[in-house]
Amino acid sequence: YVDSNAYQGALYDNGAGHLEPLAYARGLAMAAESAGARIFERSSAIRIESGSCPAVVTARGKISANAVVIAGNAYVGGLLPELLTHMQPVSTFMLATAPMGAARARALIPNDIAVADVNFALSYYRLSPDHRLLFGGGVSYSRSSPSDLCGKLRAKMLRYLPQLADLSIEHCWNGDMALTLTRLPEAGRLDDRIYFAHGYSGHGVALSNIAGLAIAEAIIGRIDRFDLLARLPQRS
């Protein structure tokens, strides 16, 4: 399953999969727009106004709505400080190697699976369509990148896959995820018309979509799934 001597054993889940999150987000945006949604990028919210007609205030205008959904997760910032007491923004890091070619990629991970260990701060990796290795690992609770991020992440990669030592690192980046104390997501209402969900603790690609479905149902009056999600324990 993977050409590595770093593991004593593994659990293989053939009911799972992996995907490119950015491509998925773009696909969701296209689907939303085709259904009539309007998306305004680079339009930061400054303030949320509550009440019978809630509104989102930006630097260039105000949008009134029947309902407001706060889905900023680790990037909610100072918009709603009360939400920040329930989650910890944490930076995590990734790299992409130079392309290694199709034959070498197949030898490295023959079935094109995604791999993750079970350490507290886990390492995880998979192949890209153009035969790079995408490797992630490590966290920073201060949200600052360590010095020589690429070098340290490359060294961690080589502990699992030393045969990649000849490959250059072409891309290296970080992003924030939101941890909760329980590692369970949190959802709820700030009032009758302002909904929130956050704290996916590293599992946001799947869990944020479940939360989005539950909130959408709640807005149109079907509250069972949302209330179930909101009953998960929430601790500051």
C-alpha atoms as a PDB file:
ATOM      1  CA  TYR A   1       0.000   0.000   0.000  1.00  0.00           C
ATOM      2  CA  VAL A   2       2.891   2.397   0.652  1.00  0.00           C
ATOM      3  CA  ASP A   3       6.636   1.909   0.126  1.00  0.00           C
ATOM      4  CA  SER A   4       7.701   2.831   3.671  1.00  0.00           C
ATOM      5  CA  ASN A   5       9.401   1.008   6.536  1.00  0.00           C
ATOM      6  CA  ALA A   6       8.159   3.551   9.091  1.00  0.00           C
ATOM      7  CA  TYR A   7       5.060   1.611  10.168  1.00  0.00           C
ATOM      8  CA  GLN A   8       4.488  -1.514  12.228  1.00  0.00           C
ATOM      9  CA  GLY A   9       1.021  -1.990  10.772  1.00  0.00           C
ATOM     10  CA  ALA A  10      -1.954  -0.120   9.397  1.00  0.00           C
ATOM     11  CA  LEU A  11      -5.714  -0.054   8.988  1.00  0.00           C
ATOM     12  CA  TYR A  12      -6.876   0.158   5.383  1.00  0.00           C
ATOM     13  CA  ASP A  13     -10.276   1.772   4.771  1.00  0.00           C
ATOM     14  CA  ASN A  14     -11.532   1.026   1.273  1.00  0.00           C
ATOM     15  CA  GLY A  15     -14.707   3.019   1.881  1.00  0.00           C
ATOM     16  CA  ALA A  16     -12.870   6.347   2.088  1.00  0.00           C
ATOM     17  CA  GLY A  17     -11.361   8.627  -0.519  1.00  0.00           C
ATOM     18  CA  HIS A  18      -9.338  11.779  -1.010  1.00  0.00           C
ATOM     19  CA  LEU A  19      -9.799  14.905  -3.093  1.00  0.00           C
ATOM     20  CA  GLU A  20      -8.389  18.370  -3.740  1.00  0.00           C
ATOM     21  CA  PRO A  21     -10.193  20.669  -1.261  1.00  0.00           C
ATOM     22  CA  LEU A  22      -9.719  23.838  -3.340  1.00  0.00           C
ATOM     23  CA  ALA A  23     -11.227  22.215  -6.428  1.00  0.00           C
ATOM     24  CA  TYR A  24     -14.102  20.980  -4.290  1.00  0.00           C
ATOM     25  CA  ALA A  25     -14.686  24.462  -2.832  1.00  0.00           C
ATOM     26  CA  ARG A  26     -14.720  25.941  -6.331  1.00  0.00           C
ATOM     27  CA  GLY A  27     -17.202  23.281  -7.432  1.00  0.00           C
ATOM     28  CA  LEU A  28     -19.467  24.113  -4.487  1.00  0.00           C
ATOM     29  CA  ALA A  29     -19.262  27.800  -5.388  1.00  0.00           C
ATOM     30  CA  MET A  30     -20.208  27.091  -9.013  1.00  0.00           C
ATOM     31  CA  ALA A  31     -23.144  24.953  -7.867  1.00  0.00           C
ATOM     32  CA  ALA A  32     -24.290  27.700  -5.488  1.00  0.00           C
ATOM     33  CA  GLU A  33     -24.092  30.357  -8.201  1.00  0.00           C
ATOM     34  CA  SER A  34     -26.006  28.162 -10.644  1.00  0.00           C
ATOM     35  CA  ALA A  35     -28.749  27.937  -7.997  1.00  0.00           C
ATOM     36  CA  GLY A  36     -28.917  31.734  -7.710  1.00  0.00           C
ATOM     37  CA  ALA A  37     -26.407  32.542  -4.961  1.00  0.00           C
ATOM     38  CA  ARG A  38     -24.237  35.656  -5.274  1.00  0.00           C
ATOM     39  CA  ILE A  39     -20.674  35.405  -3.959  1.00  0.00           C
ATOM     40  CA  PHE A  40     -18.625  38.469  -3.037  1.00  0.00           C
ATOM     41  CA  GLU A  41     -14.940  37.720  -2.524  1.00  0.00           C
ATOM     42  CA  ARG A  42     -12.535  40.229  -0.912  1.00  0.00           C
ATOM     43  CA  SER A  43     -15.442  41.789   0.962  1.00  0.00           C
ATOM     44  CA  SER A  44     -14.608  41.356   4.643  1.00  0.00           C
ATOM     45  CA  ALA A  45     -17.371  41.589   7.214  1.00  0.00           C
ATOM     46  CA  ILE A  46     -16.752  44.290   9.819  1.00  0.00           C
ATOM     47  CA  ARG A  47     -19.777  43.801  12.036  1.00  0.00           C
ATOM     48  CA  ILE A  48     -22.837  41.600  12.447  1.00  0.00           C
ATOM     49  CA  GLU A  49     -26.076  43.307  13.429  1.00  0.00           C
ATOM     50  CA  SER A  50     -28.627  41.105  15.188  1.00  0.00           C
ATOM     51  CA  GLY A  51     -32.354  41.518  15.658  1.00  0.00           C
ATOM     52  CA  SER A  52     -35.485  40.833  13.640  1.00  0.00           C
ATOM     53  CA  CYS A  53     -33.664  41.827  10.436  1.00  0.00           C
ATOM     54  CA  PRO A  54     -30.002  40.845  10.880  1.00  0.00           C
ATOM     55  CA  ALA A  55     -27.335  42.388   8.694  1.00  0.00           C
ATOM     56  CA  VAL A  56     -23.694  41.985   7.743  1.00  0.00           C
ATOM     57  CA  VAL A  57     -21.778  45.262   7.567  1.00  0.00           C
ATOM     58  CA  THR A  58     -18.754  45.545   5.263  1.00  0.00           C
ATOM     59  CA  ALA A  59     -16.471  48.458   4.415  1.00  0.00           C
ATOM     60  CA  ARG A  60     -18.549  49.229   1.313  1.00  0.00           C
ATOM     61  CA  GLY A  61     -22.105  48.437   2.318  1.00  0.00           C
ATOM     62  CA  LYS A  62     -24.595  46.538   4.446  1.00  0.00           C
ATOM     63  CA  ILE A  63     -26.440  43.354   3.530  1.00  0.00           C
ATOM     64  CA  SER A  64     -29.737  42.678   5.300  1.00  0.00           C
ATOM     65  CA  ALA A  65     -31.006  39.120   5.462  1.00  0.00           C
ATOM     66  CA  ASN A  66     -33.609  36.820   6.954  1.00  0.00           C
ATOM     67  CA  ALA A  67     -30.785  34.748   8.436  1.00  0.00           C
ATOM     68  CA  VAL A  68     -27.009  35.047   8.814  1.00  0.00           C
ATOM     69  CA  VAL A  69     -24.613  32.092   8.941  1.00  0.00           C
ATOM     70  CA  ILE A  70     -21.178  32.539  10.523  1.00  0.00           C
ATOM     71  CA  ALA A  71     -18.908  30.001   8.813  1.00  0.00           C
ATOM     72  CA  GLY A  72     -15.474  31.580   9.246  1.00  0.00           C
ATOM     73  CA  ASN A  73     -14.121  28.731  11.397  1.00  0.00           C
ATOM     74  CA  ALA A  74     -10.506  29.585  12.338  1.00  0.00           C
ATOM     75  CA  TYR A  75     -10.740  32.854  10.369  1.00  0.00           C
ATOM     76  CA  VAL A  76     -13.671  34.450  12.205  1.00  0.00           C
ATOM     77  CA  GLY A  77     -11.158  36.846  13.801  1.00  0.00           C
ATOM     78  CA  GLY A  78     -12.549  39.672  15.882  1.00  0.00           C
ATOM     79  CA  LEU A  79     -15.923  39.623  14.135  1.00  0.00           C
ATOM     80  CA  LEU A  80     -17.565  37.692  16.984  1.00  0.00           C
ATOM     81  CA  PRO A  81     -15.170  37.436  19.941  1.00  0.00           C
ATOM     82  CA  GLU A  82     -17.601  35.223  21.877  1.00  0.00           C
ATOM     83  CA  LEU A  83     -17.006  32.441  19.341  1.00  0.00           C
ATOM     84  CA  LEU A  84     -13.237  32.602  19.796  1.00  0.00           C
ATOM     85  CA  THR A  85     -13.564  31.474  23.430  1.00  0.00           C
ATOM     86  CA  HIS A  86     -14.720  28.085  22.137  1.00  0.00           C
ATOM     87  CA  MET A  87     -12.036  27.327  19.564  1.00  0.00           C
ATOM     88  CA  GLN A  88      -8.288  27.590  19.155  1.00  0.00           C
ATOM     89  CA  PRO A  89      -6.979  28.598  15.721  1.00  0.00           C
ATOM     90  CA  VAL A  90      -3.977  26.353  14.998  1.00  0.00           C
ATOM     91  CA  SER A  91      -1.641  26.507  12.014  1.00  0.00           C
ATOM     92  CA  THR A  92      -0.709  23.344  10.145  1.00  0.00           C
ATOM     93  CA  PHE A  93       1.823  22.947   7.345  1.00  0.00           C
ATOM     94  CA  MET A  94       2.133  21.309   3.941  1.00  0.00           C
ATOM     95  CA  LEU A  95       4.613  20.899   1.112  1.00  0.00           C
ATOM     96  CA  ALA A  96       4.561  19.694  -2.458  1.00  0.00           C
ATOM     97  CA  THR A  97       7.560  17.998  -4.035  1.00  0.00           C
ATOM     98  CA  ALA A  98       8.609  18.345  -7.640  1.00  0.00           C
ATOM     99  CA  PRO A  99       6.838  15.862  -9.961  1.00  0.00           C
ATOM    100  CA  MET A 100       8.403  12.400  -9.702  1.00  0.00           C
ATOM    101  CA  GLY A 101       6.861  10.806 -12.798  1.00  0.00           C
ATOM    102  CA  ALA A 102       4.039   8.311 -13.099  1.00  0.00           C
ATOM    103  CA  ALA A 103       6.093   5.107 -12.678  1.00  0.00           C
ATOM    104  CA  ARG A 104       7.856   6.306  -9.539  1.00  0.00           C
ATOM    105  CA  ALA A 105       4.597   7.564  -8.056  1.00  0.00           C
ATOM    106  CA  ARG A 106       2.927   4.185  -8.673  1.00  0.00           C
ATOM    107  CA  ALA A 107       5.827   2.411  -6.971  1.00  0.00           C
ATOM    108  CA  LEU A 108       5.590   4.725  -3.980  1.00  0.00           C
ATOM    109  CA  ILE A 109       1.820   4.417  -3.391  1.00  0.00           C
ATOM    110  CA  PRO A 110       0.540   1.756  -5.831  1.00  0.00           C
ATOM    111  CA  ASN A 111      -3.201   2.196  -5.171  1.00  0.00           C
ATOM    112  CA  ASP A 112      -3.135   6.024  -4.946  1.00  0.00           C
ATOM    113  CA  ILE A 113      -4.364   5.950  -1.353  1.00  0.00           C
ATOM    114  CA  ALA A 114      -4.053   8.749   1.199  1.00  0.00           C
ATOM    115  CA  VAL A 115      -1.877   7.941   4.217  1.00  0.00           C
ATOM    116  CA  ALA A 116      -1.964   9.277   7.783  1.00  0.00           C
ATOM    117  CA  ASP A 117      -0.344   8.157  11.018  1.00  0.00           C
ATOM    118  CA  VAL A 118      -1.994   8.092  14.458  1.00  0.00           C
ATOM    119  CA  ASN A 119       0.379  10.442  16.294  1.00  0.00           C
ATOM    120  CA  PHE A 120      -1.008  13.308  18.388  1.00  0.00           C
ATOM    121  CA  ALA A 121       0.245  15.780  15.781  1.00  0.00           C
ATOM    122  CA  LEU A 122      -0.191  13.539  12.787  1.00  0.00           C
ATOM    123  CA  SER A 123       1.603  13.438   9.452  1.00  0.00           C
ATOM    124  CA  TYR A 124      -0.389  12.781   6.293  1.00  0.00           C
ATOM    125  CA  TYR A 125       0.324  12.551   2.581  1.00  0.00           C
ATOM    126  CA  ARG A 126      -0.996  11.604  -0.835  1.00  0.00           C
ATOM    127  CA  LEU A 127      -0.105  11.931  -4.501  1.00  0.00           C
ATOM    128  CA  SER A 128      -1.299  14.781  -6.700  1.00  0.00           C
ATOM    129  CA  PRO A 129      -2.627  14.214 -10.243  1.00  0.00           C
ATOM    130  CA  ASP A 130       0.689  15.474 -11.643  1.00  0.00           C
ATOM    131  CA  HIS A 131       2.654  12.935  -9.543  1.00  0.00           C
ATOM    132  CA  ARG A 132       3.938  15.151  -6.747  1.00  0.00           C
ATOM    133  CA  LEU A 133       3.876  14.064  -3.132  1.00  0.00           C
ATOM    134  CA  LEU A 134       1.723  16.347  -0.992  1.00  0.00           C
ATOM    135  CA  PHE A 135       2.929  15.992   2.604  1.00  0.00           C
ATOM    136  CA  GLY A 136       1.468  17.675   5.674  1.00  0.00           C
ATOM    137  CA  GLY A 137       2.369  17.591   9.329  1.00  0.00           C
ATOM    138  CA  GLY A 138       3.067  19.543  12.461  1.00  0.00           C
ATOM    139  CA  VAL A 139       1.062  22.279  14.149  1.00  0.00           C
ATOM    140  CA  SER A 140       1.729  25.663  15.704  1.00  0.00           C
ATOM    141  CA  TYR A 141      -0.525  26.840  18.509  1.00  0.00           C
ATOM    142  CA  SER A 142       0.986  30.326  18.212  1.00  0.00           C
ATOM    143  CA  ARG A 143      -0.073  30.361  14.518  1.00  0.00           C
ATOM    144  CA  SER A 144       3.466  31.369  13.522  1.00  0.00           C
ATOM    145  CA  SER A 145       5.472  29.426  10.983  1.00  0.00           C
ATOM    146  CA  PRO A 146       8.703  27.871  12.285  1.00  0.00           C
ATOM    147  CA  SER A 147      11.971  29.083  10.857  1.00  0.00           C
ATOM    148  CA  ASP A 148      13.007  27.009   7.838  1.00  0.00           C
ATOM    149  CA  LEU A 149       9.499  25.548   7.537  1.00  0.00           C
ATOM    150  CA  CYS A 150      10.265  23.744   4.274  1.00  0.00           C
ATOM    151  CA  GLY A 151      13.434  22.185   5.626  1.00  0.00           C
ATOM    152  CA  LYS A 152      11.809  20.909   8.815  1.00  0.00           C
ATOM    153  CA  LEU A 153       8.789  19.547   6.978  1.00  0.00           C
ATOM    154  CA  ARG A 154      11.026  17.896   4.378  1.00  0.00           C
ATOM    155  CA  ALA A 155      13.026  16.203   7.154  1.00  0.00           C
ATOM    156  CA  LYS A 156       9.792  14.819   8.605  1.00  0.00           C
ATOM    157  CA  MET A 157       8.731  13.557   5.178  1.00  0.00           C
ATOM    158  CA  LEU A 158      12.044  11.761   4.740  1.00  0.00           C
ATOM    159  CA  ARG A 159      11.557   9.870   8.026  1.00  0.00           C
ATOM    160  CA  TYR A 160       8.652   8.138   6.289  1.00  0.00           C
ATOM    161  CA  LEU A 161       9.921   8.126   2.706  1.00  0.00           C
ATOM    162  CA  PRO A 162      13.732   8.486   2.633  1.00  0.00           C
ATOM    163  CA  GLN A 163      13.837   7.464  -1.036  1.00  0.00           C
ATOM    164  CA  LEU A 164      12.485  10.925  -1.952  1.00  0.00           C
ATOM    165  CA  ALA A 165      15.656  12.707  -0.800  1.00  0.00           C
ATOM    166  CA  ASP A 166      16.560  13.655  -4.374  1.00  0.00           C
ATOM    167  CA  LEU A 167      13.268  15.475  -5.001  1.00  0.00           C
ATOM    168  CA  SER A 168      13.198  19.234  -4.595  1.00  0.00           C
ATOM    169  CA  ILE A 169      10.424  20.965  -2.658  1.00  0.00           C
ATOM    170  CA  GLU A 170       8.571  23.296  -5.008  1.00  0.00           C
ATOM    171  CA  HIS A 171       5.815  24.588  -2.734  1.00  0.00           C
ATOM    172  CA  CYS A 172       5.422  24.996   1.031  1.00  0.00           C
ATOM    173  CA  TRP A 173       2.536  26.680   2.860  1.00  0.00           C
ATOM    174  CA  ASN A 174       0.455  26.835   6.002  1.00  0.00           C
ATOM    175  CA  GLY A 175      -3.202  27.351   6.902  1.00  0.00           C
ATOM    176  CA  ASP A 176      -5.305  27.526  10.042  1.00  0.00           C
ATOM    177  CA  MET A 177      -7.739  24.982  11.400  1.00  0.00           C
ATOM    178  CA  ALA A 178      -9.968  25.430  14.460  1.00  0.00           C
ATOM    179  CA  LEU A 179      -9.634  23.037  17.381  1.00  0.00           C
ATOM    180  CA  THR A 180     -12.226  22.640  20.103  1.00  0.00           C
ATOM    181  CA  LEU A 181     -11.505  21.239  23.552  1.00  0.00           C
ATOM    182  CA  THR A 182     -13.532  18.103  22.787  1.00  0.00           C
ATOM    183  CA  ARG A 183     -12.316  17.917  19.146  1.00  0.00           C
ATOM    184  CA  LEU A 184     -16.027  17.812  18.196  1.00  0.00           C
ATOM    185  CA  PRO A 185     -17.559  20.548  16.022  1.00  0.00           C
ATOM    186  CA  GLU A 186     -19.771  23.169  17.622  1.00  0.00           C
ATOM    187  CA  ALA A 187     -22.951  24.638  16.158  1.00  0.00           C
ATOM    188  CA  GLY A 188     -25.721  26.822  17.490  1.00  0.00           C
ATOM    189  CA  ARG A 189     -27.537  30.145  17.316  1.00  0.00           C
ATOM    190  CA  LEU A 190     -26.447  33.513  18.658  1.00  0.00           C
ATOM    191  CA  ASP A 191     -30.082  34.543  18.390  1.00  0.00           C
ATOM    192  CA  ASP A 192     -33.096  33.288  16.431  1.00  0.00           C
ATOM    193  CA  ARG A 193     -31.645  34.358  13.077  1.00  0.00           C
ATOM    194  CA  ILE A 194     -27.849  34.115  13.450  1.00  0.00           C
ATOM    195  CA  TYR A 195     -26.378  30.624  13.097  1.00  0.00           C
ATOM    196  CA  PHE A 196     -22.797  29.425  13.505  1.00  0.00           C
ATOM    197  CA  ALA A 197     -20.759  26.273  13.068  1.00  0.00           C
ATOM    198  CA  HIS A 198     -17.022  25.805  13.579  1.00  0.00           C
ATOM    199  CA  GLY A 199     -14.328  23.740  15.252  1.00  0.00           C
ATOM    200  CA  TYR A 200     -13.964  20.813  12.858  1.00  0.00           C
ATOM    201  CA  SER A 201     -10.533  20.049  14.347  1.00  0.00           C
ATOM    202  CA  GLY A 202      -8.899  18.987  11.106  1.00  0.00           C
ATOM    203  CA  HIS A 203     -11.904  17.195   9.555  1.00  0.00           C
ATOM    204  CA  GLY A 204     -13.564  20.200   7.960  1.00  0.00           C
ATOM    205  CA  VAL A 205     -13.849  18.952   4.369  1.00  0.00           C
ATOM    206  CA  ALA A 206     -16.498  16.445   5.430  1.00  0.00           C
ATOM    207  CA  LEU A 207     -17.886  17.885   8.657  1.00  0.00           C
ATOM    208  CA  SER A 208     -18.411  21.444   7.409  1.00  0.00           C
ATOM    209  CA  ASN A 209     -20.696  20.106   4.692  1.00  0.00           C
ATOM    210  CA  ILE A 210     -22.746  18.190   7.256  1.00  0.00           C
ATOM    211  CA  ALA A 211     -23.016  21.370   9.340  1.00  0.00           C
ATOM    212  CA  GLY A 212     -23.983  23.393   6.270  1.00  0.00           C
ATOM    213  CA  LEU A 213     -26.772  20.984   5.418  1.00  0.00           C
ATOM    214  CA  ALA A 214     -28.054  21.071   9.007  1.00  0.00           C
ATOM    215  CA  ILE A 215     -28.053  24.894   9.077  1.00  0.00           C
ATOM    216  CA  ALA A 216     -29.764  25.141   5.680  1.00  0.00           C
ATOM    217  CA  GLU A 217     -32.493  22.794   6.896  1.00  0.00           C
ATOM    218  CA  ALA A 218     -32.907  24.783  10.128  1.00  0.00           C
ATOM    219  CA  ILE A 219     -33.325  28.060   8.225  1.00  0.00           C
ATOM    220  CA  ILE A 220     -36.265  26.609   6.274  1.00  0.00           C
ATOM    221  CA  GLY A 221     -37.811  25.139   9.416  1.00  0.00           C
ATOM    222  CA  ARG A 222     -36.477  21.568   9.603  1.00  0.00           C
ATOM    223  CA  ILE A 223     -34.521  21.694  12.842  1.00  0.00           C
ATOM    224  CA  ASP A 224     -34.007  18.032  13.803  1.00  0.00           C
ATOM    225  CA  ARG A 225     -30.537  17.595  12.333  1.00  0.00           C
ATOM    226  CA  PHE A 226     -29.350  21.028  13.466  1.00  0.00           C
ATOM    227  CA  ASP A 227     -30.600  20.504  17.033  1.00  0.00           C
ATOM    228  CA  LEU A 228     -28.776  17.171  17.153  1.00  0.00           C
ATOM    229  CA  LEU A 229     -25.541  18.872  16.097  1.00  0.00           C
ATOM    230  CA  ALA A 230     -26.099  21.744  18.554  1.00  0.00           C
ATOM    231  CA  ARG A 231     -26.433  19.252  21.435  1.00  0.00           C
ATOM    232  CA  LEU A 232     -22.806  18.161  21.101  1.00  0.00           C
ATOM    233  CA  PRO A 233     -20.870  19.333  24.194  1.00  0.00           C
ATOM    234  CA  GLN A 234     -19.502  22.883  23.942  1.00  0.00           C
ATOM    235  CA  ARG A 235     -16.734  23.909  26.309  1.00  0.00           C
ATOM    236  CA  SER A 236     -14.761  27.122  26.475  1.00  0.00           C
END
